[in-house]
Amino acid sequence: MTVSLSHAFRQGPCLRLLFHVAAGSLVRASASEIPLTPGPVYTDVLSARSPSLLSDYIEWTGGETAAYNGTIPPHFFAQWSFPLLFKALGSTPWPLSRILNQGCRLRSLKPLPADEPLVITAHLSDIDVTPSKARITTRLITGTQSTPEAIVADVYAVVPLKKREGKVRRARPLVSDDGQRLSEHALTTRSGLDFALLTGDFNPIHWIGPYARRAGFQSTILHGFASLSLAWESIVATHCDGDPDGVKVMDVRFVRPLHLPTEVGVFSSPRDDGTHRIDVGTAVGGESYMTGTFELRRDNE
């Protein structure tokens, strides 16, 4: 589907945030300050999401609007969370433009009502600093007055500090040899713009080709959270009989850039501990762009 450009007018908070990050005008901590964790809790209350925006987002990700029945997909959390996420990250000593998204652990605790204001909190939950990098985990919790703490997202980020001399590059993950293809997706040069219109993440590496190439990429790259959303809905369709509440947890890492345009599949395979592996990649045994695990909700949960 082609996403309407009119949705850009619903992304004011994220657009203002990106402008300030690009301008370097957000208040920074001093270079020697590494805050203690857990950090302060930031809270915000936001109006209910636009029904047309929500409907178009569900359609783009491959979900069924009717199946959500007045609730919001858990993987839509990025659309409202970025301003508060960056507020929490603003207490770290590193420029926000250097903080790279590595993945997240997303837990769906209860269905999130679509017709109520959203109550969200964010705080730094962990910072691990080594000579070569800093790993940062930020916890985001979303609920409403009637349904508090419906969604919990632990967002993983990394800040490269310096290259380690003599470091041996680890082989990047491949799609598991026993992976079952759940879905296929023909991503176009516009896919990055479409997801930006739906979520407000207008980082130009996702939709402006010359900018992406100057940043060192072959072409524009798909948002990591877009890969997560496509995978989540593929699981709902194939493992949960179309029930959006069937996915309990997804824990993923974005391991290589997904250049546009391209065709990718979503693959899963069972693991001995009762969870499943999930990959977004080219083929069984081929390159994996996102890899991780997911857990289905049991009947009594």
C-alpha atoms as a PDB file:
ATOM      1  CA  MET A   1       0.000   0.000   0.000  1.00  0.00           C
ATOM      2  CA  THR A   2       1.002   3.635  -0.477  1.00  0.00           C
ATOM      3  CA  VAL A   3       0.731   5.598   2.749  1.00  0.00           C
ATOM      4  CA  SER A   4      -0.934   9.022   2.601  1.00  0.00           C
ATOM      5  CA  LEU A   5       1.379  12.001   2.978  1.00  0.00           C
ATOM      6  CA  SER A   6      -1.275  13.565   5.205  1.00  0.00           C
ATOM      7  CA  HIS A   7      -0.091  11.375   8.086  1.00  0.00           C
ATOM      8  CA  ALA A   8       3.019  13.577   8.327  1.00  0.00           C
ATOM      9  CA  PHE A   9       0.833  16.217   9.978  1.00  0.00           C
ATOM     10  CA  ARG A  10       0.122  13.770  12.823  1.00  0.00           C
ATOM     11  CA  GLN A  11       3.838  13.331  13.611  1.00  0.00           C
ATOM     12  CA  GLY A  12       4.614  16.770  15.035  1.00  0.00           C
ATOM     13  CA  PRO A  13       6.379  15.615  18.263  1.00  0.00           C
ATOM     14  CA  CYS A  14       8.767  13.289  16.410  1.00  0.00           C
ATOM     15  CA  LEU A  15       9.472  15.841  13.683  1.00  0.00           C
ATOM     16  CA  ARG A  16      10.363  18.484  16.272  1.00  0.00           C
ATOM     17  CA  LEU A  17      12.569  15.971  18.076  1.00  0.00           C
ATOM     18  CA  LEU A  18      14.474  15.073  14.899  1.00  0.00           C
ATOM     19  CA  PHE A  19      15.006  18.743  14.130  1.00  0.00           C
ATOM     20  CA  HIS A  20      16.549  19.368  17.550  1.00  0.00           C
ATOM     21  CA  VAL A  21      18.751  16.254  17.298  1.00  0.00           C
ATOM     22  CA  ALA A  22      19.995  17.344  13.880  1.00  0.00           C
ATOM     23  CA  ALA A  23      20.637  20.868  15.152  1.00  0.00           C
ATOM     24  CA  GLY A  24      22.418  19.549  18.242  1.00  0.00           C
ATOM     25  CA  SER A  25      20.300  21.856  20.348  1.00  0.00           C
ATOM     26  CA  LEU A  26      19.149  19.418  23.013  1.00  0.00           C
ATOM     27  CA  VAL A  27      20.698  19.929  26.422  1.00  0.00           C
ATOM     28  CA  ARG A  28      23.640  17.567  26.939  1.00  0.00           C
ATOM     29  CA  ALA A  29      25.286  16.200  30.040  1.00  0.00           C
ATOM     30  CA  SER A  30      28.982  16.870  30.587  1.00  0.00           C
ATOM     31  CA  ALA A  31      31.387  14.479  28.840  1.00  0.00           C
ATOM     32  CA  SER A  32      32.374  12.794  32.106  1.00  0.00           C
ATOM     33  CA  GLU A  33      28.870  12.080  33.394  1.00  0.00           C
ATOM     34  CA  ILE A  34      27.511   8.553  33.130  1.00  0.00           C
ATOM     35  CA  PRO A  35      24.217   8.538  35.006  1.00  0.00           C
ATOM     36  CA  LEU A  36      23.339   5.928  37.575  1.00  0.00           C
ATOM     37  CA  THR A  37      20.671   3.419  36.663  1.00  0.00           C
ATOM     38  CA  PRO A  38      17.824   3.026  37.064  1.00  0.00           C
ATOM     39  CA  GLY A  39      17.411   6.665  36.169  1.00  0.00           C
ATOM     40  CA  PRO A  40      14.603   9.155  36.764  1.00  0.00           C
ATOM     41  CA  VAL A  41      11.170   8.229  35.435  1.00  0.00           C
ATOM     42  CA  TYR A  42       9.710  10.596  32.844  1.00  0.00           C
ATOM     43  CA  THR A  43       5.950  10.557  32.292  1.00  0.00           C
ATOM     44  CA  ASP A  44       3.640  11.909  29.617  1.00  0.00           C
ATOM     45  CA  VAL A  45      -0.050  11.660  28.753  1.00  0.00           C
ATOM     46  CA  LEU A  46      -0.952  11.741  25.057  1.00  0.00           C
ATOM     47  CA  SER A  47      -4.247  11.905  23.209  1.00  0.00           C
ATOM     48  CA  ALA A  48      -5.678   8.756  21.657  1.00  0.00           C
ATOM     49  CA  ARG A  49      -4.109   7.854  18.321  1.00  0.00           C
ATOM     50  CA  SER A  50      -5.805   8.863  15.062  1.00  0.00           C
ATOM     51  CA  PRO A  51      -8.108   6.037  13.877  1.00  0.00           C
ATOM     52  CA  SER A  52      -7.045   6.505  10.246  1.00  0.00           C
ATOM     53  CA  LEU A  53      -3.353   6.463  11.177  1.00  0.00           C
ATOM     54  CA  LEU A  54      -3.843   3.330  13.266  1.00  0.00           C
ATOM     55  CA  SER A  55      -5.820   1.601  10.509  1.00  0.00           C
ATOM     56  CA  ASP A  56      -3.197   2.396   7.849  1.00  0.00           C
ATOM     57  CA  TYR A  57      -0.393   1.249  10.156  1.00  0.00           C
ATOM     58  CA  ILE A  58      -2.074  -2.105  10.796  1.00  0.00           C
ATOM     59  CA  GLU A  59      -2.651  -2.592   7.074  1.00  0.00           C
ATOM     60  CA  TRP A  60       0.967  -1.707   6.183  1.00  0.00           C
ATOM     61  CA  THR A  61       2.346  -4.199   8.691  1.00  0.00           C
ATOM     62  CA  GLY A  62       0.133  -6.989   7.360  1.00  0.00           C
ATOM     63  CA  GLY A  63      -2.340  -7.103  10.228  1.00  0.00           C
ATOM     64  CA  GLU A  64      -6.138  -7.199  10.233  1.00  0.00           C
ATOM     65  CA  THR A  65      -7.824  -4.079  11.607  1.00  0.00           C
ATOM     66  CA  ALA A  66     -10.955  -6.002  12.591  1.00  0.00           C
ATOM     67  CA  ALA A  67      -8.897  -8.466  14.622  1.00  0.00           C
ATOM     68  CA  TYR A  68      -7.590  -5.676  16.849  1.00  0.00           C
ATOM     69  CA  ASN A  69     -11.187  -4.719  17.715  1.00  0.00           C
ATOM     70  CA  GLY A  70     -10.470  -1.278  19.169  1.00  0.00           C
ATOM     71  CA  THR A  71      -6.980  -2.033  20.478  1.00  0.00           C
ATOM     72  CA  ILE A  72      -3.493  -0.979  19.363  1.00  0.00           C
ATOM     73  CA  PRO A  73      -0.724  -3.303  18.117  1.00  0.00           C
ATOM     74  CA  PRO A  74       2.053  -3.470  20.725  1.00  0.00           C
ATOM     75  CA  HIS A  75       4.681  -2.892  18.016  1.00  0.00           C
ATOM     76  CA  PHE A  76       3.192   0.544  17.300  1.00  0.00           C
ATOM     77  CA  PHE A  77       4.817   1.777  20.541  1.00  0.00           C
ATOM     78  CA  ALA A  78       7.625   3.574  18.676  1.00  0.00           C
ATOM     79  CA  GLN A  79       5.132   6.037  17.181  1.00  0.00           C
ATOM     80  CA  TRP A  80       4.446   7.727  20.514  1.00  0.00           C
ATOM     81  CA  SER A  81       7.552   6.779  22.499  1.00  0.00           C
ATOM     82  CA  PHE A  82      10.458   8.510  20.738  1.00  0.00           C
ATOM     83  CA  PRO A  83      10.180  11.957  22.411  1.00  0.00           C
ATOM     84  CA  LEU A  84      10.136  10.455  25.922  1.00  0.00           C
ATOM     85  CA  LEU A  85      12.808   7.901  24.950  1.00  0.00           C
ATOM     86  CA  PHE A  86      15.144  10.678  23.840  1.00  0.00           C
ATOM     87  CA  LYS A  87      14.364  12.672  26.975  1.00  0.00           C
ATOM     88  CA  ALA A  88      15.643   9.749  29.036  1.00  0.00           C
ATOM     89  CA  LEU A  89      18.673   9.321  26.770  1.00  0.00           C
ATOM     90  CA  GLY A  90      19.382  13.047  27.120  1.00  0.00           C
ATOM     91  CA  SER A  91      20.915  12.422  30.540  1.00  0.00           C
ATOM     92  CA  THR A  92      23.761  10.402  28.998  1.00  0.00           C
ATOM     93  CA  PRO A  93      27.052  12.076  27.980  1.00  0.00           C
ATOM     94  CA  TRP A  94      26.859  11.084  24.314  1.00  0.00           C
ATOM     95  CA  PRO A  95      25.352  13.110  21.455  1.00  0.00           C
ATOM     96  CA  LEU A  96      21.941  11.735  20.584  1.00  0.00           C
ATOM     97  CA  SER A  97      22.962  11.578  16.915  1.00  0.00           C
ATOM     98  CA  ARG A  98      25.572   8.910  17.806  1.00  0.00           C
ATOM     99  CA  ILE A  99      23.160   6.603  19.636  1.00  0.00           C
ATOM    100  CA  LEU A 100      22.256   3.663  17.387  1.00  0.00           C
ATOM    101  CA  ASN A 101      19.144   1.517  17.696  1.00  0.00           C
ATOM    102  CA  GLN A 102      20.090  -2.139  18.231  1.00  0.00           C
ATOM    103  CA  GLY A 103      16.734  -3.768  18.939  1.00  0.00           C
ATOM    104  CA  CYS A 104      14.274  -4.262  21.757  1.00  0.00           C
ATOM    105  CA  ARG A 105      12.446  -6.672  24.010  1.00  0.00           C
ATOM    106  CA  LEU A 106       8.727  -6.049  23.596  1.00  0.00           C
ATOM    107  CA  ARG A 107       6.204  -7.527  26.039  1.00  0.00           C
ATOM    108  CA  SER A 108       2.455  -7.402  25.521  1.00  0.00           C
ATOM    109  CA  LEU A 109       0.846  -7.695  28.955  1.00  0.00           C
ATOM    110  CA  LYS A 110      -2.712  -6.600  28.131  1.00  0.00           C
ATOM    111  CA  PRO A 111      -4.550  -5.313  25.033  1.00  0.00           C
ATOM    112  CA  LEU A 112      -4.015  -1.532  24.770  1.00  0.00           C
ATOM    113  CA  PRO A 113      -7.285   0.396  24.203  1.00  0.00           C
ATOM    114  CA  ALA A 114      -7.275   2.587  21.103  1.00  0.00           C
ATOM    115  CA  ASP A 115      -9.883   5.116  22.231  1.00  0.00           C
ATOM    116  CA  GLU A 116      -8.227   6.363  25.434  1.00  0.00           C
ATOM    117  CA  PRO A 117      -5.348   8.775  26.131  1.00  0.00           C
ATOM    118  CA  LEU A 118      -2.007   7.011  26.431  1.00  0.00           C
ATOM    119  CA  VAL A 119      -0.042   7.138  29.677  1.00  0.00           C
ATOM    120  CA  ILE A 120       3.650   6.504  28.999  1.00  0.00           C
ATOM    121  CA  THR A 121       6.780   6.418  31.127  1.00  0.00           C
ATOM    122  CA  ALA A 122      10.457   6.116  30.245  1.00  0.00           C
ATOM    123  CA  HIS A 123      13.646   5.649  32.232  1.00  0.00           C
ATOM    124  CA  LEU A 124      17.199   4.439  31.706  1.00  0.00           C
ATOM    125  CA  SER A 125      17.332   0.930  33.131  1.00  0.00           C
ATOM    126  CA  ASP A 126      20.945  -0.062  32.370  1.00  0.00           C
ATOM    127  CA  ILE A 127      24.196   1.373  30.982  1.00  0.00           C
ATOM    128  CA  ASP A 128      27.211  -0.844  30.333  1.00  0.00           C
ATOM    129  CA  VAL A 129      30.366   0.971  29.201  1.00  0.00           C
ATOM    130  CA  THR A 130      33.460  -0.722  27.764  1.00  0.00           C
ATOM    131  CA  PRO A 131      36.451   0.913  26.031  1.00  0.00           C
ATOM    132  CA  SER A 132      34.884   0.276  22.619  1.00  0.00           C
ATOM    133  CA  LYS A 133      31.180   0.944  23.182  1.00  0.00           C
ATOM    134  CA  ALA A 134      28.404   1.909  25.541  1.00  0.00           C
ATOM    135  CA  ARG A 135      25.284  -0.217  25.669  1.00  0.00           C
ATOM    136  CA  ILE A 136      22.135   1.524  26.885  1.00  0.00           C
ATOM    137  CA  THR A 137      18.772   0.009  27.764  1.00  0.00           C
ATOM    138  CA  THR A 138      15.740   2.264  28.156  1.00  0.00           C
ATOM    139  CA  ARG A 139      12.449   0.968  29.509  1.00  0.00           C
ATOM    140  CA  LEU A 140       9.234   2.350  28.017  1.00  0.00           C
ATOM    141  CA  ILE A 141       5.858   1.483  29.538  1.00  0.00           C
ATOM    142  CA  THR A 142       2.548   2.324  27.864  1.00  0.00           C
ATOM    143  CA  GLY A 143      -0.967   2.007  29.233  1.00  0.00           C
ATOM    144  CA  THR A 144      -4.186   3.941  29.732  1.00  0.00           C
ATOM    145  CA  GLN A 145      -6.194   4.909  32.805  1.00  0.00           C
ATOM    146  CA  SER A 146      -8.320   1.765  32.481  1.00  0.00           C
ATOM    147  CA  THR A 147      -5.432  -0.489  31.430  1.00  0.00           C
ATOM    148  CA  PRO A 148      -2.162   0.559  33.057  1.00  0.00           C
ATOM    149  CA  GLU A 149       1.125  -0.986  31.966  1.00  0.00           C
ATOM    150  CA  ALA A 150      -0.225  -2.781  28.906  1.00  0.00           C
ATOM    151  CA  ILE A 151       3.025  -2.713  26.913  1.00  0.00           C
ATOM    152  CA  VAL A 152       6.618  -2.829  28.179  1.00  0.00           C
ATOM    153  CA  ALA A 153       9.467  -2.188  25.730  1.00  0.00           C
ATOM    154  CA  ASP A 154      13.134  -2.432  26.662  1.00  0.00           C
ATOM    155  CA  VAL A 155      14.890  -0.577  23.860  1.00  0.00           C
ATOM    156  CA  TYR A 156      18.528  -1.490  23.220  1.00  0.00           C
ATOM    157  CA  ALA A 157      20.967   1.114  21.922  1.00  0.00           C
ATOM    158  CA  VAL A 158      24.716   1.309  21.434  1.00  0.00           C
ATOM    159  CA  VAL A 159      27.201   4.162  21.187  1.00  0.00           C
ATOM    160  CA  PRO A 160      30.475   3.282  19.384  1.00  0.00           C
ATOM    161  CA  LEU A 161      33.377   4.799  21.347  1.00  0.00           C
ATOM    162  CA  LYS A 162      36.496   3.526  19.586  1.00  0.00           C
ATOM    163  CA  LYS A 163      37.607   0.569  17.504  1.00  0.00           C
ATOM    164  CA  ARG A 164      39.271  -2.285  19.324  1.00  0.00           C
ATOM    165  CA  GLU A 165      42.691  -3.086  17.890  1.00  0.00           C
ATOM    166  CA  GLY A 166      43.028  -6.611  16.568  1.00  0.00           C
ATOM    167  CA  LYS A 167      39.358  -7.320  17.030  1.00  0.00           C
ATOM    168  CA  VAL A 168      38.131 -10.375  15.130  1.00  0.00           C
ATOM    169  CA  ARG A 169      34.856  -9.680  13.380  1.00  0.00           C
ATOM    170  CA  ARG A 170      32.163 -12.127  14.430  1.00  0.00           C
ATOM    171  CA  ALA A 171      30.145 -13.826  11.738  1.00  0.00           C
ATOM    172  CA  ARG A 172      26.758 -12.192  11.392  1.00  0.00           C
ATOM    173  CA  PRO A 173      23.698 -14.371  12.006  1.00  0.00           C
ATOM    174  CA  LEU A 174      22.114 -16.295   9.165  1.00  0.00           C
ATOM    175  CA  VAL A 175      18.526 -17.441   8.908  1.00  0.00           C
ATOM    176  CA  SER A 176      18.238 -20.763  10.704  1.00  0.00           C
ATOM    177  CA  ASP A 177      18.530 -23.829   8.462  1.00  0.00           C
ATOM    178  CA  ASP A 178      15.283 -25.191   9.885  1.00  0.00           C
ATOM    179  CA  GLY A 179      13.454 -21.890   9.514  1.00  0.00           C
ATOM    180  CA  GLN A 180       9.847 -21.958   8.277  1.00  0.00           C
ATOM    181  CA  ARG A 181       8.923 -19.100   5.956  1.00  0.00           C
ATOM    182  CA  LEU A 182       5.947 -17.285   7.466  1.00  0.00           C
ATOM    183  CA  SER A 183       5.559 -14.469   4.945  1.00  0.00           C
ATOM    184  CA  GLU A 184       7.218 -12.646   2.067  1.00  0.00           C
ATOM    185  CA  HIS A 185       7.535  -8.891   1.619  1.00  0.00           C
ATOM    186  CA  ALA A 186       8.427  -6.938  -1.510  1.00  0.00           C
ATOM    187  CA  LEU A 187       9.905  -3.742  -0.084  1.00  0.00           C
ATOM    188  CA  THR A 188      10.208  -0.774  -2.428  1.00  0.00           C
ATOM    189  CA  THR A 189      12.275   2.394  -2.480  1.00  0.00           C
ATOM    190  CA  ARG A 190       9.265   4.053  -0.833  1.00  0.00           C
ATOM    191  CA  SER A 191       8.937   1.616   2.075  1.00  0.00           C
ATOM    192  CA  GLY A 192      11.148   3.725   4.333  1.00  0.00           C
ATOM    193  CA  LEU A 193       9.081   6.845   3.636  1.00  0.00           C
ATOM    194  CA  ASP A 194       5.833   4.949   4.205  1.00  0.00           C
ATOM    195  CA  PHE A 195       6.967   3.725   7.616  1.00  0.00           C
ATOM    196  CA  ALA A 196       8.216   7.213   8.487  1.00  0.00           C
ATOM    197  CA  LEU A 197       4.799   8.671   7.652  1.00  0.00           C
ATOM    198  CA  LEU A 198       3.165   6.092   9.926  1.00  0.00           C
ATOM    199  CA  THR A 199       5.541   6.422  12.894  1.00  0.00           C
ATOM    200  CA  GLY A 200       7.173   9.843  12.654  1.00  0.00           C
ATOM    201  CA  ASP A 201      10.743   8.498  12.388  1.00  0.00           C
ATOM    202  CA  PHE A 202      11.863  10.677   9.484  1.00  0.00           C
ATOM    203  CA  ASN A 203      15.587   9.990   9.850  1.00  0.00           C
ATOM    204  CA  PRO A 204      16.683  10.673   6.229  1.00  0.00           C
ATOM    205  CA  ILE A 205      18.730   7.457   5.974  1.00  0.00           C
ATOM    206  CA  HIS A 206      15.371   5.704   5.604  1.00  0.00           C
ATOM    207  CA  TRP A 207      13.906   7.729   2.733  1.00  0.00           C
ATOM    208  CA  ILE A 208      16.441  10.073   1.086  1.00  0.00           C
ATOM    209  CA  GLY A 209      18.823   8.115  -1.134  1.00  0.00           C
ATOM    210  CA  PRO A 210      21.687  10.661  -1.463  1.00  0.00           C
ATOM    211  CA  TYR A 211      21.693  11.239   2.301  1.00  0.00           C
ATOM    212  CA  ALA A 212      21.799   7.492   3.007  1.00  0.00           C
ATOM    213  CA  ARG A 213      24.716   7.043   0.598  1.00  0.00           C
ATOM    214  CA  ARG A 214      26.639   9.918   2.202  1.00  0.00           C
ATOM    215  CA  ALA A 215      26.074   8.173   5.526  1.00  0.00           C
ATOM    216  CA  GLY A 216      27.817   5.073   4.146  1.00  0.00           C
ATOM    217  CA  PHE A 217      24.872   2.937   3.047  1.00  0.00           C
ATOM    218  CA  GLN A 218      24.309   1.493  -0.432  1.00  0.00           C
ATOM    219  CA  SER A 219      20.816   2.995  -0.475  1.00  0.00           C
ATOM    220  CA  THR A 220      18.073   3.894   1.955  1.00  0.00           C
ATOM    221  CA  ILE A 221      17.534   1.326   4.713  1.00  0.00           C
ATOM    222  CA  LEU A 222      14.361   0.076   6.348  1.00  0.00           C
ATOM    223  CA  HIS A 223      13.656   1.014   9.960  1.00  0.00           C
ATOM    224  CA  GLY A 224      14.493  -1.750  12.411  1.00  0.00           C
ATOM    225  CA  PHE A 225      11.069  -1.375  14.020  1.00  0.00           C
ATOM    226  CA  ALA A 226       9.488  -1.920  10.595  1.00  0.00           C
ATOM    227  CA  SER A 227      11.148  -5.339  10.439  1.00  0.00           C
ATOM    228  CA  LEU A 228       9.874  -6.060  13.949  1.00  0.00           C
ATOM    229  CA  SER A 229       6.313  -5.074  13.045  1.00  0.00           C
ATOM    230  CA  LEU A 230       6.270  -7.222   9.892  1.00  0.00           C
ATOM    231  CA  ALA A 231       7.585 -10.177  11.885  1.00  0.00           C
ATOM    232  CA  TRP A 232       5.050  -9.695  14.698  1.00  0.00           C
ATOM    233  CA  GLU A 233       2.079  -9.678  12.326  1.00  0.00           C
ATOM    234  CA  SER A 234       3.449 -12.702  10.460  1.00  0.00           C
ATOM    235  CA  ILE A 235       3.511 -14.589  13.760  1.00  0.00           C
ATOM    236  CA  VAL A 236      -0.049 -13.494  14.570  1.00  0.00           C
ATOM    237  CA  ALA A 237      -1.251 -14.816  11.207  1.00  0.00           C
ATOM    238  CA  THR A 238       0.600 -18.134  11.238  1.00  0.00           C
ATOM    239  CA  HIS A 239       1.032 -19.099  14.906  1.00  0.00           C
ATOM    240  CA  CYS A 240      -1.939 -17.427  16.616  1.00  0.00           C
ATOM    241  CA  ASP A 241      -4.844 -18.048  14.209  1.00  0.00           C
ATOM    242  CA  GLY A 242      -5.064 -14.298  13.643  1.00  0.00           C
ATOM    243  CA  ASP A 243      -5.417 -13.432  17.350  1.00  0.00           C
ATOM    244  CA  PRO A 244      -3.239 -10.329  18.004  1.00  0.00           C
ATOM    245  CA  ASP A 245      -3.114 -11.166  21.715  1.00  0.00           C
ATOM    246  CA  GLY A 246      -1.352 -14.441  20.984  1.00  0.00           C
ATOM    247  CA  VAL A 247       2.182 -13.015  20.997  1.00  0.00           C
ATOM    248  CA  LYS A 248       3.507 -12.486  24.512  1.00  0.00           C
ATOM    249  CA  VAL A 249       7.143 -11.446  24.040  1.00  0.00           C
ATOM    250  CA  MET A 250       9.511 -10.656  21.178  1.00  0.00           C
ATOM    251  CA  ASP A 251      13.215 -10.006  21.811  1.00  0.00           C
ATOM    252  CA  VAL A 252      15.187  -9.002  18.719  1.00  0.00           C
ATOM    253  CA  ARG A 253      18.420  -7.424  17.493  1.00  0.00           C
ATOM    254  CA  PHE A 254      18.868  -5.491  14.267  1.00  0.00           C
ATOM    255  CA  VAL A 255      22.077  -7.062  12.985  1.00  0.00           C
ATOM    256  CA  ARG A 256      22.622  -5.559   9.518  1.00  0.00           C
ATOM    257  CA  PRO A 257      21.118  -2.785   7.381  1.00  0.00           C
ATOM    258  CA  LEU A 258      18.200  -3.828   5.181  1.00  0.00           C
ATOM    259  CA  HIS A 259      18.799  -1.872   1.985  1.00  0.00           C
ATOM    260  CA  LEU A 260      15.859  -0.839  -0.185  1.00  0.00           C
ATOM    261  CA  PRO A 261      14.406  -2.004  -2.497  1.00  0.00           C
ATOM    262  CA  THR A 262      14.542  -5.729  -1.770  1.00  0.00           C
ATOM    263  CA  GLU A 263      12.477  -8.838  -1.080  1.00  0.00           C
ATOM    264  CA  VAL A 264      12.664 -10.479   2.328  1.00  0.00           C
ATOM    265  CA  GLY A 265      10.929 -13.204   4.231  1.00  0.00           C
ATOM    266  CA  VAL A 266       9.992 -13.746   7.856  1.00  0.00           C
ATOM    267  CA  PHE A 267      11.176 -17.104   9.205  1.00  0.00           C
ATOM    268  CA  SER A 268      10.639 -18.937  12.485  1.00  0.00           C
ATOM    269  CA  SER A 269      11.891 -22.151  14.035  1.00  0.00           C
ATOM    270  CA  PRO A 270      11.107 -23.825  17.393  1.00  0.00           C
ATOM    271  CA  ARG A 271      13.656 -23.899  20.218  1.00  0.00           C
ATOM    272  CA  ASP A 272      14.125 -26.452  22.969  1.00  0.00           C
ATOM    273  CA  ASP A 273      12.998 -24.015  25.708  1.00  0.00           C
ATOM    274  CA  GLY A 274       9.512 -23.614  24.220  1.00  0.00           C
ATOM    275  CA  THR A 275      10.210 -20.280  22.560  1.00  0.00           C
ATOM    276  CA  HIS A 276      10.780 -19.721  18.835  1.00  0.00           C
ATOM    277  CA  ARG A 277      13.546 -18.117  16.853  1.00  0.00           C
ATOM    278  CA  ILE A 278      12.508 -15.318  14.497  1.00  0.00           C
ATOM    279  CA  ASP A 279      14.426 -13.901  11.528  1.00  0.00           C
ATOM    280  CA  VAL A 280      13.809 -11.331   8.831  1.00  0.00           C
ATOM    281  CA  GLY A 281      16.122 -12.330   6.021  1.00  0.00           C
ATOM    282  CA  THR A 282      16.707 -13.364   2.447  1.00  0.00           C
ATOM    283  CA  ALA A 283      16.220 -17.130   2.602  1.00  0.00           C
ATOM    284  CA  VAL A 284      16.851 -20.174   4.780  1.00  0.00           C
ATOM    285  CA  GLY A 285      20.593 -20.134   5.414  1.00  0.00           C
ATOM    286  CA  GLY A 286      20.840 -16.637   3.930  1.00  0.00           C
ATOM    287  CA  GLU A 287      21.468 -13.222   5.427  1.00  0.00           C
ATOM    288  CA  SER A 288      19.453 -12.244   8.486  1.00  0.00           C
ATOM    289  CA  TYR A 289      18.738  -8.541   9.020  1.00  0.00           C
ATOM    290  CA  MET A 290      16.842  -9.002  12.274  1.00  0.00           C
ATOM    291  CA  THR A 291      17.134 -12.004  14.551  1.00  0.00           C
ATOM    292  CA  GLY A 292      15.810 -12.946  17.944  1.00  0.00           C
ATOM    293  CA  THR A 293      13.154 -14.954  19.731  1.00  0.00           C
ATOM    294  CA  PHE A 294       9.453 -14.814  20.483  1.00  0.00           C
ATOM    295  CA  GLU A 295       7.154 -16.447  23.007  1.00  0.00           C
ATOM    296  CA  LEU A 296       3.463 -17.220  22.526  1.00  0.00           C
ATOM    297  CA  ARG A 297       0.864 -16.673  25.199  1.00  0.00           C
ATOM    298  CA  ARG A 298      -0.392 -19.833  26.877  1.00  0.00           C
ATOM    299  CA  ASP A 299      -4.122 -20.502  27.167  1.00  0.00           C
ATOM    300  CA  ASN A 300      -4.181 -19.757  30.884  1.00  0.00           C
ATOM    301  CA  GLU A 301      -2.309 -16.438  30.660  1.00  0.00           C
END
